[in-house]
Amino acid sequence: MTKLYIKQSILDNNEIKSLIDEDGAIRKAGIYNSKDGSREDDKTRKTSLKHVDRKKFPTVNQKLLNLLKVFRPDLDIKKFEVREYNFLIYNPGDHFTWHSDVIKPKGNNRIRKFSTSTILSMTNDLQGGNFGIDDGSGYVADIRLQQGETLLFDSNTRHRVAEVIKGQRVVLVAWIYDK
């Protein structure tokens, strides 16, 4: 039976601090609507985003790939690479409704195969912001991640981040692609 997800602490405090301290402009995150090319409104996704250069974090990339090997021991992780990072900040009212992370490729573009979400920081008063993941049969796992924990799952899997009621959660989302 294929696992729905795996959750483990894989980053050390220095790696977490380096990711948090990485320079970058913070902006409103959007959703690309493939039907008409527009950005959707805050009803679908409301959060702030900072792009982080994955090439600056080769050790983090390797740890994410190693977690993939734990999740799917049948895979040769040498055939995969971490290609994207998003640094997301969820404040009260922020959320991301049910979605999957697969984007249809254009031309020779590769597609996302696996998604990861790592809690870099969270306030002690955090309420809401839980991660939900749907196995497709009606079962929904409601996952509360702790600081430093990484969740890895297939990018085709529907998931969401519940609305943050109080506090803040800061997350590194990374996607793993075929090479």
Foldseek 3Di string as FASTA:
>chain_A
DADQKDKDQQDDLVVLVCVVPDDFDKDWDFDQDPVPRDTDDQVAFTWIKTWDDCVVPPVVFVSVLVVVCVRPVVDDSVQKGWDGKIKIKAAAQGKHDKDFQWDDDDDPDWTFFKKKKAWSDWDPPKDFFWKWWDPPPPDIDTHDDDHRMMMMGTRRTIMMTTGTHHTMTIMMMITMTGD
